[in-house]
Amino acid sequence: MSQLNKLQFSWQDYLIFATSLTIPLAIGVFFFFYKRQQQSTDSLLVGDRSLNVIVVAMSLIVSMLNGIFIIGLTAEIHYHGVKMTYMAFAAVTVVVFFAHTFVPRYHHMQVTSAYEVRL
């Protein structure tokens, strides 16, 4: 019997997978039905522009550090070696640059996304 045939989900794996899908779905359904009348569109999309910096930073970090990134980055480092360090330095440099140049301008213009900006 090959090793590939041995790799199957057990009931614990299905339980964790279902839980990881059910909890965010339940939160979304709750806020859709319970808080929908109390929130404006601006409140829903950008939190009335009054969110804490730590909360926004954590949201951005979680958005960037997903499973594909973590698995893919380690595989790329294994394949390409130390050259991938340059990519990490470039990513940090670009994030710092955009955080200091574009984000304050977008915040001042009261836009939700870069697609709303007209030159």
Protein backbone atom coordinates (compact mmCIF):
# COMPACT_ATOMS: atom_id res chain seq x y z
CA MET A 1 0.00 0.00 0.00
CA SER A 2 1.49 3.32 -0.99
CA GLN A 3 1.92 6.21 1.40
CA LEU A 4 -0.54 8.32 -0.59
CA ASN A 5 -3.38 5.90 0.18
CA LYS A 6 -2.64 6.18 3.90
CA LEU A 7 -3.13 9.96 3.90
CA GLN A 8 -6.82 10.42 4.58
CA PHE A 9 -8.86 12.72 6.81
CA SER A 10 -9.94 11.29 10.11
CA TRP A 11 -13.04 12.46 11.97
CA GLN A 12 -10.87 14.87 14.01
CA ASP A 13 -9.62 16.50 10.81
CA TYR A 14 -13.16 16.91 9.52
CA LEU A 15 -14.22 18.37 12.88
CA ILE A 16 -11.46 20.98 12.86
CA PHE A 17 -12.13 21.82 9.21
CA ALA A 18 -15.88 22.22 9.81
CA THR A 19 -15.26 24.32 12.92
CA SER A 20 -12.84 26.62 11.09
CA LEU A 21 -15.55 27.25 8.47
CA THR A 22 -18.53 27.42 10.82
CA ILE A 23 -17.23 29.99 13.32
CA PRO A 24 -16.55 32.80 10.80
CA LEU A 25 -19.79 31.98 8.99
CA ALA A 26 -21.75 32.22 12.26
CA ILE A 27 -20.13 35.56 13.10
CA GLY A 28 -20.96 36.91 9.65
CA VAL A 29 -24.58 35.73 9.78
CA PHE A 30 -24.99 37.16 13.28
CA PHE A 31 -23.74 40.60 12.30
CA PHE A 32 -25.71 40.50 9.05
CA PHE A 33 -29.03 39.97 10.77
CA TYR A 34 -28.47 41.55 14.17
CA LYS A 35 -26.39 44.67 13.47
CA ARG A 36 -27.40 45.42 9.87
CA GLN A 37 -29.88 48.18 10.69
CA GLN A 38 -27.46 49.85 13.09
CA GLN A 39 -24.52 50.27 10.69
CA SER A 40 -23.92 52.53 7.75
CA THR A 41 -21.89 51.48 4.73
CA ASP A 42 -18.93 53.54 5.89
CA SER A 43 -19.10 51.87 9.28
CA LEU A 44 -19.16 48.43 7.71
CA LEU A 45 -16.32 48.96 5.24
CA VAL A 46 -13.85 51.10 7.17
CA GLY A 47 -15.10 51.07 10.76
CA ASP A 48 -16.05 54.77 10.68
CA ARG A 49 -12.31 55.42 10.23
CA SER A 50 -11.84 55.16 13.97
CA LEU A 51 -10.21 51.75 14.34
CA ASN A 52 -7.15 51.29 16.50
CA VAL A 53 -3.81 51.05 14.70
CA ILE A 54 -3.10 47.68 16.33
CA VAL A 55 -6.37 46.22 15.04
CA VAL A 56 -5.72 47.40 11.50
CA ALA A 57 -2.12 46.14 11.61
CA MET A 58 -3.22 42.72 12.85
CA SER A 59 -5.82 42.52 10.10
CA LEU A 60 -3.24 43.36 7.44
CA ILE A 61 -0.73 40.87 8.81
CA VAL A 62 -3.29 38.08 8.89
CA SER A 63 -4.34 38.94 5.35
CA MET A 64 -0.76 38.71 4.13
CA LEU A 65 0.32 35.67 6.13
CA ASN A 66 -2.05 33.03 4.90
CA GLY A 67 -1.37 29.32 4.56
CA ILE A 68 -0.32 29.47 0.92
CA PHE A 69 2.23 32.18 1.72
CA ILE A 70 3.71 30.27 4.65
CA ILE A 71 3.93 26.95 2.82
CA GLY A 72 5.01 28.54 -0.46
CA LEU A 73 7.68 30.73 1.10
CA THR A 74 9.34 27.86 2.89
CA ALA A 75 9.33 25.81 -0.30
CA GLU A 76 10.83 28.71 -2.27
CA ILE A 77 13.55 29.19 0.34
CA HIS A 78 14.32 25.48 0.19
CA TYR A 79 14.48 25.59 -3.62
CA HIS A 80 16.25 28.92 -4.18
CA GLY A 81 18.21 29.24 -0.95
CA VAL A 82 19.41 32.52 0.50
CA LYS A 83 18.36 34.49 -2.58
CA MET A 84 14.84 34.61 -1.14
CA THR A 85 16.17 36.87 1.63
CA TYR A 86 16.29 39.67 -0.95
CA MET A 87 12.59 39.20 -1.54
CA ALA A 88 11.90 39.59 2.18
CA PHE A 89 13.93 42.81 2.33
CA ALA A 90 12.16 44.14 -0.77
CA ALA A 91 8.74 43.29 0.68
CA VAL A 92 9.49 45.12 3.93
CA THR A 93 10.84 48.12 2.03
CA VAL A 94 7.78 48.33 -0.22
CA VAL A 95 5.36 48.00 2.70
CA VAL A 96 7.11 50.78 4.64
CA PHE A 97 7.22 53.01 1.55
CA PHE A 98 3.54 52.58 0.74
CA ALA A 99 2.52 52.94 4.39
CA HIS A 100 4.18 56.35 4.54
CA THR A 101 3.23 57.68 1.12
CA PHE A 102 -0.08 56.29 -0.11
CA VAL A 103 -1.98 55.27 3.01
CA PRO A 104 -2.05 58.80 4.52
CA ARG A 105 -3.16 60.24 1.18
CA TYR A 106 -5.96 57.68 0.84
CA HIS A 107 -7.01 58.36 4.42
CA HIS A 108 -7.09 62.11 3.76
CA MET A 109 -9.17 61.62 0.58
CA GLN A 110 -11.68 59.44 2.51
CA VAL A 111 -11.57 56.64 -0.06
CA THR A 112 -12.16 52.98 0.65
CA SER A 113 -9.90 51.49 -2.02
CA ALA A 114 -7.32 52.58 -4.56
CA TYR A 115 -9.83 52.01 -7.35
CA GLU A 116 -11.81 55.07 -6.25
CA VAL A 117 -8.88 57.43 -6.88
CA ARG A 118 -9.06 59.37 -10.14
CA LEU A 119 -5.96 61.10 -11.39
